[in-house]
Structure formats: structure tokens, C-alpha cells
Amino acid sequence: MLKAYYKPHLIEAGLDEAGRGCLAGSVYAAAVVLPPDYSNARLNDSKQLSARQRYALREEIERDAVAWAVGIATAKEIDQLNILRASILAMHRALDALKVRPEHLIVDGNRFTPYGDVPYQTIVKGDGKYLSIAAASVLAKTYRDDYMRELAGQYPQYGWDHNAGYPTRAHRDAIRAFGITPHHRRTFNLLGDAAQLHFDFEE
């Protein structure tokens, strides 16, 4: 059973992201504030759940949370900032959109940039330890999957409706065959070797 809070007497938001390792698409982050004494035995790290379980839990999280929000950083911002800084930017944007101001943050991973003067704690594998981080992981993952499926309608050759932009062999084969799109991260190793691609495309 995951723990409810790191600081149980404060308004605490859990933060997590989805899409850091992808070759294409925005990185998504979510911030979730859960009620005091919240419990949900089904809630876990989104990577441990099936798609059906994640979407069912998303409805429960959005219904039960004191506040929740999703933030993004685009592929262009990822190329400009690097993926770590862009992921943190997406987290900050999620916090900006929260309807309540948290008094403490718990962040999945080991790196974060201060959000104003709000104290925070980074927690490695926090999405498997704390409910609010797990909830954030579910929201970030499902909203990003929705976005990638929508993009797949515009660029069906890359298989984003099932690979979500991750570096599968089929995705890289499609890059070789069709080049890149405005949604590909040009600073990433798109072909999976030492070479970088420099395709022209229309903005």
C-alpha cells in the first residue's frame, strides 16, 4: 500500500512526468493534491498498470482530488532547454494551474528546480511509494497518450497511437523512410546510433 503523504499535516502536491524518453511529442507533467487520509488500493506507478486501469483511475483521481492539473513542455522547448529542464518546466506549469497552493511538494526522481518558496522533496521511484505521485503519474501518462493518439491522426506512418513516440524499431524505421516532423525532438538520437538527423520540414 502506498503512503498518503510525506508531510501529513501540510497541503502536499505530488508531481510526476511522462514522455521523457520519447523521440517525439511534448513532455507532460501532472500535479495532484489528495484529500487527508486518502486511500486507493488500486493506485500505483502508471507503468505497473494496464491502459484500462490507468484510465479508470484517472476518473477516480479527478473526482477525488482536492486539486489536480497537467502541464506540458513542447518538443521545441525540449530541444532548447534539454529534457530535464523541460520536464521541470512542465511540472511548474502544472503547479501554476492548480486551484490550491500547495505547502509542500513531493517530486518523482532526484532532480527539481525550486518552485517559488514552496519546500520540496525529491523521491527516487516515488510513483511506487506515494499516492499523490502515483496519481500524478497516471494523469501525465494518460493525457500524454491522448495527445499522441491525436497526433497519430496527422502522422499515421510513425505509429504514435501505439508507441506514444517512444524509440521502437518501427518508429525509427519510419524516421528513416519519411524523415522527421515538427514534433520530433531534433536534439535526440533519433536513429539510435551516433548519427543525428538534419531533415528539413515545414513548420
N, C-alpha and C. Protein backbone atom coordinates (compact mmCIF):
# COMPACT_ATOMS: atom_id res chain seq x y z
N MET A 1 0.85 -1.20 0.00
CA MET A 1 0.00 0.00 0.00
C MET A 1 0.89 1.25 0.00
N LEU A 2 0.62 2.16 -0.89
CA LEU A 2 1.41 3.39 -0.97
C LEU A 2 1.07 4.33 0.18
N LYS A 3 2.03 5.15 0.56
CA LYS A 3 1.82 6.11 1.63
C LYS A 3 1.01 7.30 1.12
N ALA A 4 0.22 7.89 2.00
CA ALA A 4 -0.62 9.02 1.60
C ALA A 4 0.21 10.30 1.48
N TYR A 5 1.09 10.55 2.45
CA TYR A 5 1.80 11.83 2.48
C TYR A 5 3.22 11.67 2.97
N TYR A 6 4.08 12.56 2.52
CA TYR A 6 5.43 12.71 3.08
C TYR A 6 5.37 13.65 4.28
N LYS A 7 4.60 14.74 4.14
CA LYS A 7 4.37 15.69 5.23
C LYS A 7 2.86 15.71 5.49
N PRO A 8 2.36 14.88 6.39
CA PRO A 8 0.91 14.67 6.51
C PRO A 8 0.11 15.87 6.99
N HIS A 9 0.75 16.87 7.57
CA HIS A 9 0.00 18.00 8.12
C HIS A 9 0.04 19.22 7.21
N LEU A 10 0.52 19.05 5.99
CA LEU A 10 0.60 20.15 5.04
C LEU A 10 -0.21 19.83 3.79
N ILE A 11 -0.58 20.87 3.04
CA ILE A 11 -1.20 20.66 1.73
C ILE A 11 -0.07 20.27 0.79
N GLU A 12 -0.06 19.01 0.41
CA GLU A 12 1.08 18.45 -0.32
C GLU A 12 0.66 18.04 -1.73
N ALA A 13 1.43 18.45 -2.72
CA ALA A 13 1.19 18.06 -4.11
C ALA A 13 2.25 17.06 -4.55
N GLY A 14 1.80 16.00 -5.18
CA GLY A 14 2.70 15.05 -5.80
C GLY A 14 2.90 15.40 -7.26
N LEU A 15 4.11 15.21 -7.77
CA LEU A 15 4.46 15.58 -9.14
C LEU A 15 5.15 14.43 -9.86
N ASP A 16 4.76 14.24 -11.12
CA ASP A 16 5.45 13.27 -11.96
C ASP A 16 5.27 13.68 -13.41
N GLU A 17 6.08 13.08 -14.29
CA GLU A 17 6.02 13.41 -15.71
C GLU A 17 5.90 12.14 -16.53
N ALA A 18 5.60 12.32 -17.83
CA ALA A 18 5.55 11.21 -18.78
C ALA A 18 6.12 11.69 -20.11
N GLY A 19 6.89 10.82 -20.74
CA GLY A 19 7.40 11.12 -22.07
C GLY A 19 8.82 11.61 -22.14
N ARG A 20 9.59 11.44 -21.09
CA ARG A 20 10.98 11.93 -21.12
C ARG A 20 11.81 11.18 -22.15
N GLY A 21 11.58 9.89 -22.29
CA GLY A 21 12.43 9.08 -23.16
C GLY A 21 11.95 8.98 -24.60
N CYS A 22 10.95 9.75 -24.96
CA CYS A 22 10.38 9.66 -26.30
C CYS A 22 11.23 10.41 -27.33
N LEU A 23 11.06 10.02 -28.59
CA LEU A 23 11.72 10.71 -29.69
C LEU A 23 10.88 11.85 -30.23
N ALA A 24 9.59 11.85 -29.90
CA ALA A 24 8.67 12.85 -30.45
C ALA A 24 7.62 13.21 -29.42
N GLY A 25 7.08 14.41 -29.60
CA GLY A 25 5.98 14.86 -28.76
C GLY A 25 6.43 15.64 -27.54
N SER A 26 5.46 16.33 -26.96
CA SER A 26 5.69 17.10 -25.73
C SER A 26 5.93 16.17 -24.56
N VAL A 27 6.57 16.69 -23.53
CA VAL A 27 6.63 16.01 -22.24
C VAL A 27 5.49 16.55 -21.40
N TYR A 28 4.80 15.66 -20.72
CA TYR A 28 3.64 16.02 -19.89
C TYR A 28 3.98 15.82 -18.42
N ALA A 29 3.46 16.68 -17.58
CA ALA A 29 3.61 16.52 -16.13
C ALA A 29 2.28 16.79 -15.46
N ALA A 30 2.10 16.22 -14.29
CA ALA A 30 0.88 16.46 -13.52
C ALA A 30 1.22 16.74 -12.08
N ALA A 31 0.36 17.52 -11.45
CA ALA A 31 0.44 17.82 -10.02
C ALA A 31 -0.90 17.43 -9.40
N VAL A 32 -0.86 16.72 -8.29
CA VAL A 32 -2.09 16.24 -7.65
C VAL A 32 -2.02 16.48 -6.15
N VAL A 33 -3.07 17.08 -5.62
CA VAL A 33 -3.26 17.22 -4.17
C VAL A 33 -4.42 16.31 -3.78
N LEU A 34 -4.16 15.35 -2.92
CA LEU A 34 -5.19 14.40 -2.50
C LEU A 34 -5.76 14.81 -1.14
N PRO A 35 -6.97 14.36 -0.82
CA PRO A 35 -7.57 14.71 0.47
C PRO A 35 -6.81 14.07 1.63
N PRO A 36 -6.99 14.62 2.84
CA PRO A 36 -6.40 13.98 4.02
C PRO A 36 -6.90 12.54 4.17
N ASP A 37 -6.03 11.67 4.59
CA ASP A 37 -6.37 10.26 4.84
C ASP A 37 -6.89 9.54 3.60
N TYR A 38 -6.47 9.99 2.43
CA TYR A 38 -6.92 9.33 1.19
C TYR A 38 -6.28 7.96 1.06
N SER A 39 -7.04 7.01 0.53
CA SER A 39 -6.50 5.69 0.24
C SER A 39 -7.11 5.17 -1.05
N ASN A 40 -6.34 4.40 -1.77
CA ASN A 40 -6.82 3.78 -3.01
C ASN A 40 -5.89 2.60 -3.29
N ALA A 41 -6.37 1.42 -3.00
CA ALA A 41 -5.52 0.23 -3.10
C ALA A 41 -5.12 -0.07 -4.54
N ARG A 42 -5.84 0.46 -5.52
CA ARG A 42 -5.54 0.18 -6.92
C ARG A 42 -4.51 1.14 -7.51
N LEU A 43 -4.26 2.22 -6.81
CA LEU A 43 -3.38 3.26 -7.34
C LEU A 43 -1.93 2.87 -7.17
N ASN A 44 -1.18 2.94 -8.30
CA ASN A 44 0.23 2.56 -8.29
C ASN A 44 0.93 3.32 -9.42
N ASP A 45 2.23 3.16 -9.48
CA ASP A 45 3.01 3.68 -10.58
C ASP A 45 2.33 3.32 -11.90
N SER A 46 2.12 4.31 -12.78
CA SER A 46 1.36 4.07 -14.00
C SER A 46 2.00 3.00 -14.88
N LYS A 47 3.32 2.82 -14.78
CA LYS A 47 4.00 1.81 -15.59
C LYS A 47 3.62 0.40 -15.16
N GLN A 48 3.09 0.25 -13.96
CA GLN A 48 2.68 -1.06 -13.45
C GLN A 48 1.22 -1.38 -13.76
N LEU A 49 0.53 -0.48 -14.44
CA LEU A 49 -0.90 -0.62 -14.70
C LEU A 49 -1.17 -0.81 -16.17
N SER A 50 -2.27 -1.46 -16.48
CA SER A 50 -2.70 -1.56 -17.87
C SER A 50 -3.34 -0.23 -18.28
N ALA A 51 -3.49 -0.03 -19.59
CA ALA A 51 -4.13 1.19 -20.08
C ALA A 51 -5.54 1.32 -19.51
N ARG A 52 -6.27 0.23 -19.49
CA ARG A 52 -7.65 0.28 -18.95
C ARG A 52 -7.64 0.70 -17.49
N GLN A 53 -6.72 0.15 -16.71
CA GLN A 53 -6.62 0.53 -15.30
C GLN A 53 -6.26 2.00 -15.14
N ARG A 54 -5.34 2.49 -15.96
CA ARG A 54 -4.94 3.89 -15.86
C ARG A 54 -6.12 4.83 -16.13
N TYR A 55 -6.88 4.54 -17.16
CA TYR A 55 -7.99 5.44 -17.50
C TYR A 55 -9.11 5.36 -16.47
N ALA A 56 -9.33 4.18 -15.90
CA ALA A 56 -10.32 4.08 -14.82
C ALA A 56 -9.85 4.87 -13.60
N LEU A 57 -8.56 4.77 -13.29
CA LEU A 57 -8.02 5.51 -12.15
C LEU A 57 -8.03 7.02 -12.41
N ARG A 58 -7.83 7.42 -13.66
CA ARG A 58 -7.87 8.86 -13.95
C ARG A 58 -9.22 9.44 -13.53
N GLU A 59 -10.29 8.75 -13.84
CA GLU A 59 -11.62 9.25 -13.44
C GLU A 59 -11.72 9.36 -11.93
N GLU A 60 -11.19 8.37 -11.20
CA GLU A 60 -11.25 8.41 -9.74
C GLU A 60 -10.40 9.54 -9.18
N ILE A 61 -9.21 9.71 -9.73
CA ILE A 61 -8.31 10.77 -9.25
C ILE A 61 -8.94 12.14 -9.46
N GLU A 62 -9.48 12.37 -10.65
CA GLU A 62 -10.07 13.67 -10.94
C GLU A 62 -11.31 13.93 -10.08
N ARG A 63 -12.01 12.87 -9.74
CA ARG A 63 -13.19 13.02 -8.88
C ARG A 63 -12.79 13.27 -7.43
N ASP A 64 -11.76 12.58 -6.96
CA ASP A 64 -11.45 12.58 -5.53
C ASP A 64 -10.45 13.65 -5.11
N ALA A 65 -9.61 14.11 -6.03
CA ALA A 65 -8.51 15.01 -5.66
C ALA A 65 -9.04 16.36 -5.17
N VAL A 66 -8.33 16.93 -4.23
CA VAL A 66 -8.59 18.31 -3.82
C VAL A 66 -8.31 19.24 -4.99
N ALA A 67 -7.24 18.95 -5.73
CA ALA A 67 -6.86 19.73 -6.91
C ALA A 67 -5.94 18.89 -7.77
N TRP A 68 -6.01 19.10 -9.06
CA TRP A 68 -5.10 18.43 -9.99
C TRP A 68 -4.93 19.30 -11.23
N ALA A 69 -3.82 19.16 -11.90
CA ALA A 69 -3.57 19.93 -13.12
C ALA A 69 -2.48 19.24 -13.92
N VAL A 70 -2.47 19.52 -15.21
CA VAL A 70 -1.49 18.96 -16.13
C VAL A 70 -0.76 20.11 -16.82
N GLY A 71 0.55 19.98 -16.98
CA GLY A 71 1.35 20.96 -17.70
C GLY A 71 2.18 20.27 -18.76
N ILE A 72 2.58 21.01 -19.79
CA ILE A 72 3.38 20.43 -20.86
C ILE A 72 4.57 21.33 -21.20
N ALA A 73 5.57 20.72 -21.81
CA ALA A 73 6.65 21.44 -22.49
C ALA A 73 6.79 20.80 -23.86
N THR A 74 6.86 21.61 -24.89
CA THR A 74 6.83 21.12 -26.25
C THR A 74 8.17 20.53 -26.69
N ALA A 75 8.12 19.84 -27.83
CA ALA A 75 9.36 19.30 -28.40
C ALA A 75 10.37 20.41 -28.67
N LYS A 76 9.88 21.55 -29.15
CA LYS A 76 10.77 22.68 -29.40
C LYS A 76 11.42 23.16 -28.11
N GLU A 77 10.66 23.23 -27.03
CA GLU A 77 11.22 23.64 -25.74
C GLU A 77 12.21 22.60 -25.22
N ILE A 78 11.91 21.32 -25.46
CA ILE A 78 12.84 20.26 -25.06
C ILE A 78 14.18 20.44 -25.77
N ASP A 79 14.13 20.73 -27.08
CA ASP A 79 15.37 20.95 -27.83
C ASP A 79 16.12 22.19 -27.35
N GLN A 80 15.38 23.21 -26.94
CA GLN A 80 16.02 24.45 -26.49
C GLN A 80 16.61 24.32 -25.09
N LEU A 81 15.92 23.59 -24.20
CA LEU A 81 16.28 23.58 -22.79
C LEU A 81 17.06 22.35 -22.35
N ASN A 82 16.80 21.23 -22.94
CA ASN A 82 17.17 19.84 -22.63
C ASN A 82 15.98 19.19 -21.91
N ILE A 83 15.95 17.87 -21.92
CA ILE A 83 14.76 17.16 -21.46
C ILE A 83 14.54 17.32 -19.95
N LEU A 84 15.59 17.35 -19.17
CA LEU A 84 15.41 17.51 -17.73
C LEU A 84 14.77 18.86 -17.41
N ARG A 85 15.34 19.93 -17.95
CA ARG A 85 14.80 21.26 -17.65
C ARG A 85 13.39 21.42 -18.21
N ALA A 86 13.13 20.83 -19.37
CA ALA A 86 11.78 20.91 -19.94
C ALA A 86 10.78 20.13 -19.08
N SER A 87 11.18 18.99 -18.55
CA SER A 87 10.29 18.22 -17.67
C SER A 87 9.94 19.02 -16.42
N ILE A 88 10.93 19.69 -15.86
CA ILE A 88 10.68 20.51 -14.67
C ILE A 88 9.80 21.70 -15.03
N LEU A 89 10.02 22.29 -16.21
CA LEU A 89 9.15 23.37 -16.67
C LEU A 89 7.70 22.89 -16.76
N ALA A 90 7.48 21.69 -17.30
CA ALA A 90 6.12 21.15 -17.37
C ALA A 90 5.53 20.96 -15.98
N MET A 91 6.34 20.53 -15.01
CA MET A 91 5.87 20.40 -13.63
C MET A 91 5.48 21.76 -13.06
N HIS A 92 6.31 22.77 -13.29
CA HIS A 92 6.00 24.11 -12.80
C HIS A 92 4.69 24.62 -13.43
N ARG A 93 4.48 24.33 -14.70
CA ARG A 93 3.24 24.76 -15.34
C ARG A 93 2.03 24.03 -14.75
N ALA A 94 2.19 22.77 -14.40
CA ALA A 94 1.11 22.06 -13.73
C ALA A 94 0.80 22.72 -12.38
N LEU A 95 1.85 23.07 -11.64
CA LEU A 95 1.65 23.75 -10.35
C LEU A 95 0.99 25.10 -10.54
N ASP A 96 1.37 25.82 -11.59
CA ASP A 96 0.73 27.11 -11.88
C ASP A 96 -0.78 26.96 -12.04
N ALA A 97 -1.20 25.83 -12.59
CA ALA A 97 -2.62 25.62 -12.92
C ALA A 97 -3.43 25.04 -11.76
N LEU A 98 -2.79 24.65 -10.67
CA LEU A 98 -3.53 24.11 -9.52
C LEU A 98 -4.45 25.17 -8.93
N LYS A 99 -5.60 24.73 -8.47
CA LYS A 99 -6.58 25.65 -7.88
C LYS A 99 -6.31 25.91 -6.40
N VAL A 100 -5.40 25.16 -5.81
CA VAL A 100 -4.97 25.43 -4.44
C VAL A 100 -3.46 25.57 -4.44
N ARG A 101 -2.94 26.34 -3.51
CA ARG A 101 -1.48 26.50 -3.42
C ARG A 101 -0.93 25.47 -2.45
N PRO A 102 -0.08 24.57 -2.92
CA PRO A 102 0.49 23.57 -2.01
C PRO A 102 1.49 24.19 -1.04
N GLU A 103 1.60 23.56 0.11
CA GLU A 103 2.58 23.97 1.12
C GLU A 103 3.83 23.12 1.09
N HIS A 104 3.76 22.01 0.35
CA HIS A 104 4.92 21.12 0.22
C HIS A 104 4.75 20.33 -1.07
N LEU A 105 5.88 19.98 -1.69
CA LEU A 105 5.87 19.21 -2.93
C LEU A 105 6.68 17.93 -2.75
N ILE A 106 6.19 16.85 -3.33
CA ILE A 106 7.00 15.64 -3.45
C ILE A 106 7.09 15.31 -4.93
N VAL A 107 8.31 15.11 -5.39
CA VAL A 107 8.60 15.02 -6.82
C VAL A 107 9.25 13.69 -7.13
N ASP A 108 8.72 13.00 -8.13
CA ASP A 108 9.34 11.74 -8.54
C ASP A 108 10.71 12.02 -9.16
N GLY A 109 11.69 11.23 -8.77
CA GLY A 109 13.03 11.39 -9.32
C GLY A 109 14.00 12.02 -8.34
N ASN A 110 15.11 12.51 -8.85
CA ASN A 110 16.14 13.08 -7.96
C ASN A 110 16.56 14.49 -8.33
N ARG A 111 15.83 15.13 -9.27
CA ARG A 111 16.18 16.49 -9.67
C ARG A 111 14.93 17.35 -9.76
N PHE A 112 15.04 18.57 -9.28
CA PHE A 112 13.93 19.51 -9.36
C PHE A 112 14.51 20.91 -9.19
N THR A 113 13.80 21.89 -9.71
CA THR A 113 14.16 23.29 -9.53
C THR A 113 13.12 23.92 -8.63
N PRO A 114 13.52 24.71 -7.63
CA PRO A 114 12.53 25.26 -6.70
C PRO A 114 11.38 25.97 -7.40
N TYR A 115 10.21 25.75 -6.85
CA TYR A 115 9.00 26.42 -7.34
C TYR A 115 8.66 27.50 -6.32
N GLY A 116 9.09 28.74 -6.63
CA GLY A 116 8.91 29.82 -5.66
C GLY A 116 9.59 29.45 -4.35
N ASP A 117 8.86 29.66 -3.27
CA ASP A 117 9.43 29.34 -1.96
C ASP A 117 8.79 28.08 -1.35
N VAL A 118 8.14 27.27 -2.18
CA VAL A 118 7.48 26.07 -1.67
C VAL A 118 8.53 24.99 -1.42
N PRO A 119 8.64 24.48 -0.21
CA PRO A 119 9.62 23.42 0.05
C PRO A 119 9.26 22.14 -0.70
N TYR A 120 10.27 21.36 -1.03
CA TYR A 120 10.01 20.15 -1.79
C TYR A 120 10.97 19.04 -1.37
N GLN A 121 10.59 17.82 -1.75
CA GLN A 121 11.42 16.65 -1.54
C GLN A 121 11.39 15.82 -2.82
N THR A 122 12.56 15.51 -3.37
CA THR A 122 12.61 14.58 -4.50
C THR A 122 12.68 13.16 -3.95
N ILE A 123 12.01 12.23 -4.64
CA ILE A 123 11.91 10.85 -4.16
C ILE A 123 12.12 9.92 -5.35
N VAL A 124 13.22 9.21 -5.35
CA VAL A 124 13.50 8.25 -6.42
C VAL A 124 12.46 7.14 -6.38
N LYS A 125 11.88 6.85 -7.53
CA LYS A 125 10.80 5.86 -7.65
C LYS A 125 9.62 6.21 -6.75
N GLY A 126 9.39 7.52 -6.63
CA GLY A 126 8.31 7.99 -5.76
C GLY A 126 6.93 7.57 -6.22
N ASP A 127 6.79 7.29 -7.54
CA ASP A 127 5.48 6.88 -8.03
C ASP A 127 5.09 5.49 -7.54
N GLY A 128 6.02 4.77 -6.98
CA GLY A 128 5.71 3.48 -6.37
C GLY A 128 5.70 3.54 -4.86
N LYS A 129 5.77 4.77 -4.29
CA LYS A 129 5.85 4.94 -2.84
C LYS A 129 4.75 5.83 -2.27
N TYR A 130 4.33 6.85 -3.03
CA TYR A 130 3.38 7.83 -2.52
C TYR A 130 2.19 7.97 -3.45
N LEU A 131 1.01 8.02 -2.86
CA LEU A 131 -0.22 8.05 -3.64
C LEU A 131 -0.32 9.26 -4.55
N SER A 132 0.07 10.43 -4.06
CA SER A 132 -0.10 11.63 -4.88
C SER A 132 0.85 11.61 -6.09
N ILE A 133 2.05 11.06 -5.92
CA ILE A 133 2.95 10.94 -7.06
C ILE A 133 2.42 9.90 -8.04
N ALA A 134 1.92 8.79 -7.52
CA ALA A 134 1.33 7.77 -8.39
C ALA A 134 0.15 8.35 -9.16
N ALA A 135 -0.66 9.15 -8.49
CA ALA A 135 -1.81 9.79 -9.16
C ALA A 135 -1.32 10.73 -10.25
N ALA A 136 -0.26 11.47 -9.97
CA ALA A 136 0.30 12.37 -10.98
C ALA A 136 0.84 11.57 -12.16
N SER A 137 1.44 10.43 -11.90
CA SER A 137 1.97 9.61 -12.99
C SER A 137 0.85 9.10 -13.89
N VAL A 138 -0.28 8.75 -13.30
CA VAL A 138 -1.43 8.27 -14.09
C VAL A 138 -1.98 9.40 -14.96
N LEU A 139 -2.12 10.58 -14.39
CA LEU A 139 -2.66 11.70 -15.19
C LEU A 139 -1.69 12.09 -16.30
N ALA A 140 -0.42 12.22 -15.98
CA ALA A 140 0.56 12.61 -17.00
C ALA A 140 0.58 11.59 -18.14
N LYS A 141 0.60 10.32 -17.79
CA LYS A 141 0.67 9.27 -18.80
C LYS A 141 -0.58 9.24 -19.68
N THR A 142 -1.75 9.29 -19.08
CA THR A 142 -2.98 9.16 -19.88
C THR A 142 -3.22 10.39 -20.74
N TYR A 143 -2.96 11.58 -20.22
CA TYR A 143 -3.15 12.77 -21.05
C TYR A 143 -2.12 12.83 -22.17
N ARG A 144 -0.92 12.36 -21.91
CA ARG A 144 0.06 12.33 -22.99
C ARG A 144 -0.31 11.29 -24.05
N ASP A 145 -0.79 10.15 -23.61
CA ASP A 145 -1.23 9.13 -24.58
C ASP A 145 -2.35 9.66 -25.46
N ASP A 146 -3.29 10.39 -24.86
CA ASP A 146 -4.38 11.00 -25.64
C ASP A 146 -3.81 11.94 -26.71
N TYR A 147 -2.85 12.74 -26.30
CA TYR A 147 -2.22 13.71 -27.21
C TYR A 147 -1.49 13.01 -28.34
N MET A 148 -0.76 11.94 -28.03
CA MET A 148 -0.02 11.24 -29.07
C MET A 148 -0.96 10.52 -30.04
N ARG A 149 -2.07 10.03 -29.54
CA ARG A 149 -3.05 9.41 -30.45
C ARG A 149 -3.63 10.46 -31.40
N GLU A 150 -3.85 11.66 -30.87
CA GLU A 150 -4.35 12.74 -31.73
C GLU A 150 -3.32 13.10 -32.80
N LEU A 151 -2.05 13.18 -32.42
CA LEU A 151 -1.01 13.47 -33.39
C LEU A 151 -0.88 12.35 -34.43
N ALA A 152 -1.14 11.12 -34.00
CA ALA A 152 -1.04 9.99 -34.92
C ALA A 152 -2.02 10.12 -36.08
N GLY A 153 -3.12 10.81 -35.87
CA GLY A 153 -4.05 11.03 -36.96
C GLY A 153 -3.46 11.91 -38.05
N GLN A 154 -2.54 12.80 -37.67
CA GLN A 154 -1.88 13.67 -38.64
C GLN A 154 -0.65 13.01 -39.26
N TYR A 155 -0.01 12.13 -38.51
CA TYR A 155 1.23 11.48 -38.95
C TYR A 155 1.13 9.98 -38.71
N PRO A 156 0.26 9.29 -39.44
CA PRO A 156 -0.01 7.87 -39.14
C PRO A 156 1.18 6.95 -39.37
N GLN A 157 2.15 7.35 -40.18
CA GLN A 157 3.24 6.45 -40.53
C GLN A 157 4.18 6.15 -39.37
N TYR A 158 4.13 6.94 -38.31
CA TYR A 158 5.07 6.75 -37.20
C TYR A 158 4.54 5.84 -36.08
N GLY A 159 3.27 5.48 -36.14
CA GLY A 159 2.72 4.55 -35.15
C GLY A 159 2.57 5.13 -33.76
N TRP A 160 2.39 6.45 -33.67
CA TRP A 160 2.33 7.07 -32.35
C TRP A 160 1.09 6.66 -31.54
N ASP A 161 0.08 6.14 -32.22
CA ASP A 161 -1.10 5.69 -31.49
C ASP A 161 -0.81 4.46 -30.62
N HIS A 162 0.27 3.73 -30.92
CA HIS A 162 0.61 2.59 -30.06
C HIS A 162 2.02 2.67 -29.47
N ASN A 163 2.94 3.46 -30.07
CA ASN A 163 4.27 3.57 -29.43
C ASN A 163 4.45 4.86 -28.64
N ALA A 164 3.47 5.78 -28.74
CA ALA A 164 3.45 7.03 -27.97
C ALA A 164 4.71 7.88 -28.18
N GLY A 165 5.41 7.64 -29.30
CA GLY A 165 6.61 8.42 -29.58
C GLY A 165 7.89 7.82 -29.04
N TYR A 166 7.79 6.67 -28.38
CA TYR A 166 9.00 6.04 -27.83
C TYR A 166 9.85 5.43 -28.95
N PRO A 167 11.12 5.16 -28.68
CA PRO A 167 12.05 4.73 -29.73
C PRO A 167 11.94 3.25 -30.07
N THR A 168 10.82 2.83 -30.62
CA THR A 168 10.69 1.47 -31.11
C THR A 168 11.42 1.33 -32.45
N ARG A 169 11.67 0.11 -32.84
CA ARG A 169 12.32 -0.12 -34.14
C ARG A 169 11.45 0.42 -35.28
N ALA A 170 10.13 0.19 -35.18
CA ALA A 170 9.22 0.66 -36.24
C ALA A 170 9.23 2.19 -36.33
N HIS A 171 9.30 2.86 -35.18
CA HIS A 171 9.34 4.32 -35.18
C HIS A 171 10.61 4.80 -35.87
N ARG A 172 11.73 4.20 -35.53
CA ARG A 172 12.99 4.63 -36.14
C ARG A 172 13.03 4.28 -37.64
N ASP A 173 12.45 3.15 -38.00
CA ASP A 173 12.38 2.82 -39.42
C ASP A 173 11.54 3.85 -40.18
N ALA A 174 10.46 4.33 -39.55
CA ALA A 174 9.63 5.35 -40.18
C ALA A 174 10.38 6.67 -40.33
N ILE A 175 11.21 7.01 -39.35
CA ILE A 175 12.03 8.22 -39.46
C ILE A 175 12.99 8.09 -40.64
N ARG A 176 13.59 6.92 -40.79
CA ARG A 176 14.49 6.71 -41.94
C ARG A 176 13.74 6.85 -43.26
N ALA A 177 12.51 6.35 -43.29
CA ALA A 177 11.76 6.34 -44.54
C ALA A 177 11.12 7.69 -44.86
N PHE A 178 10.62 8.38 -43.82
CA PHE A 178 9.80 9.57 -44.07
C PHE A 178 10.42 10.86 -43.53
N GLY A 179 11.53 10.76 -42.80
CA GLY A 179 12.09 11.96 -42.20
C GLY A 179 11.39 12.30 -40.90
N ILE A 180 11.63 13.51 -40.43
CA ILE A 180 11.07 13.93 -39.15
C ILE A 180 9.94 14.93 -39.35
N THR A 181 9.20 15.15 -38.28
CA THR A 181 8.07 16.07 -38.24
C THR A 181 8.41 17.23 -37.31
N PRO A 182 7.57 18.26 -37.25
CA PRO A 182 7.80 19.33 -36.28
C PRO A 182 7.72 18.85 -34.83
N HIS A 183 7.21 17.63 -34.62
CA HIS A 183 7.04 17.12 -33.26
C HIS A 183 8.20 16.24 -32.81
N HIS A 184 9.15 15.96 -33.70
CA HIS A 184 10.31 15.18 -33.30
C HIS A 184 11.30 16.07 -32.54
N ARG A 185 12.01 15.44 -31.62
CA ARG A 185 13.00 16.14 -30.80
C ARG A 185 14.35 16.03 -31.50
N ARG A 186 14.74 17.09 -32.14
CA ARG A 186 15.90 17.03 -33.04
C ARG A 186 17.23 16.90 -32.30
N THR A 187 17.25 17.18 -31.01
CA THR A 187 18.48 17.01 -30.23
C THR A 187 18.63 15.58 -29.72
N PHE A 188 17.62 14.73 -29.95
CA PHE A 188 17.70 13.34 -29.51
C PHE A 188 18.37 12.50 -30.60
N ASN A 189 18.87 11.34 -30.20
CA ASN A 189 19.49 10.41 -31.13
C ASN A 189 18.37 9.62 -31.83
N LEU A 190 17.83 10.19 -32.88
CA LEU A 190 16.61 9.66 -33.47
C LEU A 190 16.79 8.32 -34.15
N LEU A 191 17.97 8.03 -34.65
CA LEU A 191 18.19 6.77 -35.35
C LEU A 191 18.75 5.66 -34.45
N GLY A 192 19.10 6.02 -33.22
CA GLY A 192 19.61 5.00 -32.32
C GLY A 192 21.07 4.69 -32.53
N ASP A 193 21.78 5.55 -33.24
CA ASP A 193 23.22 5.38 -33.41
C ASP A 193 23.89 6.72 -33.16
N ALA A 194 25.14 6.85 -33.51
CA ALA A 194 25.87 8.09 -33.21
C ALA A 194 25.45 9.24 -34.11
N ALA A 195 24.80 8.93 -35.23
CA ALA A 195 24.43 9.97 -36.19
C ALA A 195 23.18 10.71 -35.74
N GLN A 196 23.14 11.99 -36.02
CA GLN A 196 21.95 12.78 -35.81
C GLN A 196 21.34 13.12 -37.16
N LEU A 197 20.01 13.25 -37.18
CA LEU A 197 19.33 13.59 -38.41
C LEU A 197 19.18 15.10 -38.53
N HIS A 198 19.24 15.58 -39.75
CA HIS A 198 19.03 17.01 -40.02
C HIS A 198 18.12 17.14 -41.22
N PHE A 199 16.88 16.70 -41.07
CA PHE A 199 15.91 16.79 -42.14
C PHE A 199 15.28 18.18 -42.18
N ASP A 200 14.92 18.60 -43.35
CA ASP A 200 14.12 19.80 -43.49
C ASP A 200 12.64 19.40 -43.39
N PHE A 201 11.86 20.26 -42.79
CA PHE A 201 10.42 20.03 -42.74
C PHE A 201 9.71 21.35 -42.66
N GLU A 202 8.43 21.33 -42.96
CA GLU A 202 7.63 22.55 -42.90
C GLU A 202 7.16 22.75 -41.47
N GLU A 203 7.30 23.98 -41.00
CA GLU A 203 6.81 24.30 -39.65
C GLU A 203 5.29 24.32 -39.64
